[in-house]
Amino acid sequence: MLKANVLVNFPRWKKKIKNPVKYFNKKLRKLQKFLKLKNKNYEFSVLLTNSKEMKKLNLKFRKKNKSTDVLSFPLKNVLKDNIYLGDIAISFEIIEKRSLSSDFNYEFDKMWIHGYLHLVGYDHKKDKEYKRMQKKEKLILNYLNN
């Protein structure tokens, strides 16, 4: 089973996604089928926040004094049949700005999928890794939105 603990500390999120917990549950049930996850429980947390908080997190953990769209903090804490993958933080303003030429939910899905892939070991420091991660993101995004 795949589960997300959703924390909202910026109220404008709920104007775009009425019930973030329900939204994630629906997406994760579908993702679980796509990834064919069985036997273990996988869990992660998602912080739906704003650019100001993202800037603080980025400075504290990456020493970069600027906001960003998504941050991932892989953990991989294994407790018997439960695996805690880590945490993801996402900026509302950046998603909203990108959605002006797209769709808010689509842009949001792109970000949390990107963060999730970091939690499970994907990276994009090298060109080859970037292409591999981008391909997986597109596959998952297409599956979840069809």
Protein backbone atom coordinates (compact mmCIF):
# COMPACT_ATOMS: atom_id res chain seq x y z
CA MET A 1 0.00 0.00 0.00
CA LEU A 2 1.16 3.53 -0.78
CA LYS A 3 0.16 6.29 1.63
CA ALA A 4 0.82 10.04 1.83
CA ASN A 5 0.53 12.11 4.98
CA VAL A 6 -0.63 15.48 3.69
CA LEU A 7 0.10 18.67 5.60
CA VAL A 8 -1.27 22.00 4.38
CA ASN A 9 0.26 25.14 5.89
CA PHE A 10 -0.83 27.57 3.18
CA PRO A 11 -4.62 27.99 2.90
CA ARG A 12 -4.69 28.86 -0.82
CA TRP A 13 -3.99 25.21 -1.61
CA LYS A 14 -7.50 24.28 -0.52
CA LYS A 15 -8.99 26.74 -3.01
CA LYS A 16 -7.41 24.74 -5.82
CA ILE A 17 -7.60 21.25 -4.30
CA LYS A 18 -10.64 21.09 -2.01
CA ASN A 19 -9.58 17.97 -0.13
CA PRO A 20 -5.85 17.25 -0.59
CA VAL A 21 -5.98 13.99 1.41
CA LYS A 22 -8.76 12.59 -0.78
CA TYR A 23 -6.94 13.83 -3.89
CA PHE A 24 -3.76 11.97 -2.91
CA ASN A 25 -5.59 8.80 -1.89
CA LYS A 26 -7.20 8.59 -5.32
CA LYS A 27 -3.92 9.23 -7.17
CA LEU A 28 -1.92 6.86 -4.98
CA ARG A 29 -4.36 3.96 -5.44
CA LYS A 30 -3.84 4.33 -9.17
CA LEU A 31 -0.06 4.75 -8.81
CA GLN A 32 0.11 1.63 -6.64
CA LYS A 33 -1.45 -0.41 -9.45
CA PHE A 34 0.92 1.09 -12.00
CA LEU A 35 3.99 0.33 -9.86
CA LYS A 36 2.62 -3.09 -8.85
CA LEU A 37 3.42 -2.50 -5.18
CA LYS A 38 2.60 -5.49 -3.00
CA ASN A 39 3.49 -6.95 0.38
CA LYS A 40 4.90 -3.77 1.93
CA ASN A 41 3.45 -0.47 3.07
CA TYR A 42 5.16 2.59 1.63
CA GLU A 43 4.56 5.96 3.24
CA PHE A 44 5.73 9.53 2.72
CA SER A 45 4.70 13.02 3.77
CA VAL A 46 3.80 15.99 1.58
CA LEU A 47 3.92 19.57 2.80
CA LEU A 48 1.76 21.89 0.71
CA THR A 49 3.27 25.27 1.45
CA ASN A 50 4.21 28.61 -0.08
CA SER A 51 7.33 30.11 -1.67
CA LYS A 52 8.38 31.85 1.55
CA GLU A 53 8.55 28.52 3.43
CA MET A 54 10.22 26.81 0.47
CA LYS A 55 12.93 29.47 0.52
CA LYS A 56 13.55 28.79 4.23
CA LEU A 57 13.71 25.02 3.66
CA ASN A 58 15.97 25.43 0.63
CA LEU A 59 18.36 27.63 2.62
CA LYS A 60 18.38 25.34 5.65
CA PHE A 61 18.87 22.05 3.81
CA ARG A 62 20.52 22.97 0.52
CA LYS A 63 22.23 26.28 1.39
CA LYS A 64 20.39 28.03 -1.47
CA ASN A 65 18.73 31.32 -0.53
CA LYS A 66 15.85 31.13 -3.01
CA SER A 67 12.49 29.50 -3.37
CA THR A 68 12.00 26.39 -5.47
CA ASP A 69 9.08 24.34 -6.78
CA VAL A 70 9.65 21.04 -4.98
CA LEU A 71 12.03 19.69 -2.36
CA SER A 72 12.50 16.03 -1.52
CA PHE A 73 14.05 14.58 1.60
CA PRO A 74 14.61 10.83 1.09
CA LEU A 75 14.76 8.78 4.27
CA LYS A 76 14.06 5.09 3.60
CA ASN A 77 13.36 4.11 7.18
CA VAL A 78 12.42 0.41 7.13
CA LEU A 79 10.33 -0.95 10.00
CA LYS A 80 9.31 -4.58 9.38
CA ASP A 81 6.78 -4.41 6.51
CA ASN A 82 6.55 -0.61 6.55
CA ILE A 83 8.88 1.68 4.65
CA TYR A 84 8.87 5.42 5.30
CA LEU A 85 10.28 6.95 2.12
CA GLY A 86 10.73 10.55 3.28
CA ASP A 87 9.20 13.99 2.82
CA ILE A 88 8.25 16.27 -0.06
CA ALA A 89 7.50 20.01 0.08
CA ILE A 90 5.74 21.86 -2.76
CA SER A 91 5.31 25.59 -3.40
CA PHE A 92 1.81 26.84 -4.21
CA GLU A 93 2.85 30.02 -6.03
CA ILE A 94 5.16 28.24 -8.45
CA ILE A 95 2.53 25.63 -9.32
CA GLU A 96 -0.08 28.36 -9.73
CA LYS A 97 2.18 30.39 -12.03
CA ARG A 98 2.94 27.36 -14.22
CA SER A 99 -0.73 26.48 -14.40
CA LEU A 100 -1.54 29.77 -16.15
CA SER A 101 -0.56 28.10 -19.42
CA SER A 102 -1.59 24.60 -18.31
CA ASP A 103 -3.78 23.09 -15.57
CA PHE A 104 -3.20 23.42 -11.82
CA ASN A 105 -3.78 19.73 -11.02
CA TYR A 106 -1.56 18.64 -13.90
CA GLU A 107 1.30 20.90 -12.76
CA PHE A 108 0.79 19.76 -9.16
CA ASP A 109 0.90 16.11 -10.21
CA LYS A 110 4.16 16.76 -12.09
CA MET A 111 5.73 18.19 -8.94
CA TRP A 112 4.70 15.53 -6.43
CA ILE A 113 5.60 12.76 -8.88
CA HIS A 114 9.01 14.38 -9.34
CA GLY A 115 9.43 14.54 -5.56
CA TYR A 116 8.24 10.95 -5.14
CA LEU A 117 10.77 9.69 -7.68
CA HIS A 118 13.54 11.38 -5.71
CA LEU A 119 12.31 9.56 -2.60
CA VAL A 120 12.62 6.20 -4.35
CA GLY A 121 16.13 6.85 -5.67
CA TYR A 122 15.87 8.73 -8.95
CA ASP A 123 18.10 11.75 -9.54
CA HIS A 124 18.98 14.14 -12.35
CA LYS A 125 22.53 15.26 -11.69
CA LYS A 126 23.79 13.74 -14.95
CA ASP A 127 22.18 13.87 -18.38
CA LYS A 128 21.57 10.11 -18.47
CA GLU A 129 19.88 10.20 -15.03
CA TYR A 130 17.81 13.23 -16.06
CA LYS A 131 16.48 11.46 -19.16
CA ARG A 132 15.69 8.30 -17.18
CA MET A 133 13.85 10.25 -14.49
CA GLN A 134 12.00 12.41 -17.01
CA LYS A 135 10.84 9.30 -18.90
CA LYS A 136 9.50 7.73 -15.68
CA GLU A 137 7.76 11.01 -14.71
CA LYS A 138 6.00 11.16 -18.08
CA LEU A 139 4.91 7.52 -17.87
CA ILE A 140 3.41 7.99 -14.40
CA LEU A 141 1.84 11.36 -15.25
CA ASN A 142 0.19 9.96 -18.38
CA TYR A 143 -1.08 6.92 -16.47
CA LEU A 144 -2.54 8.97 -13.62
CA ASN A 145 -4.25 11.47 -15.90
CA ASN A 146 -5.87 9.02 -18.32
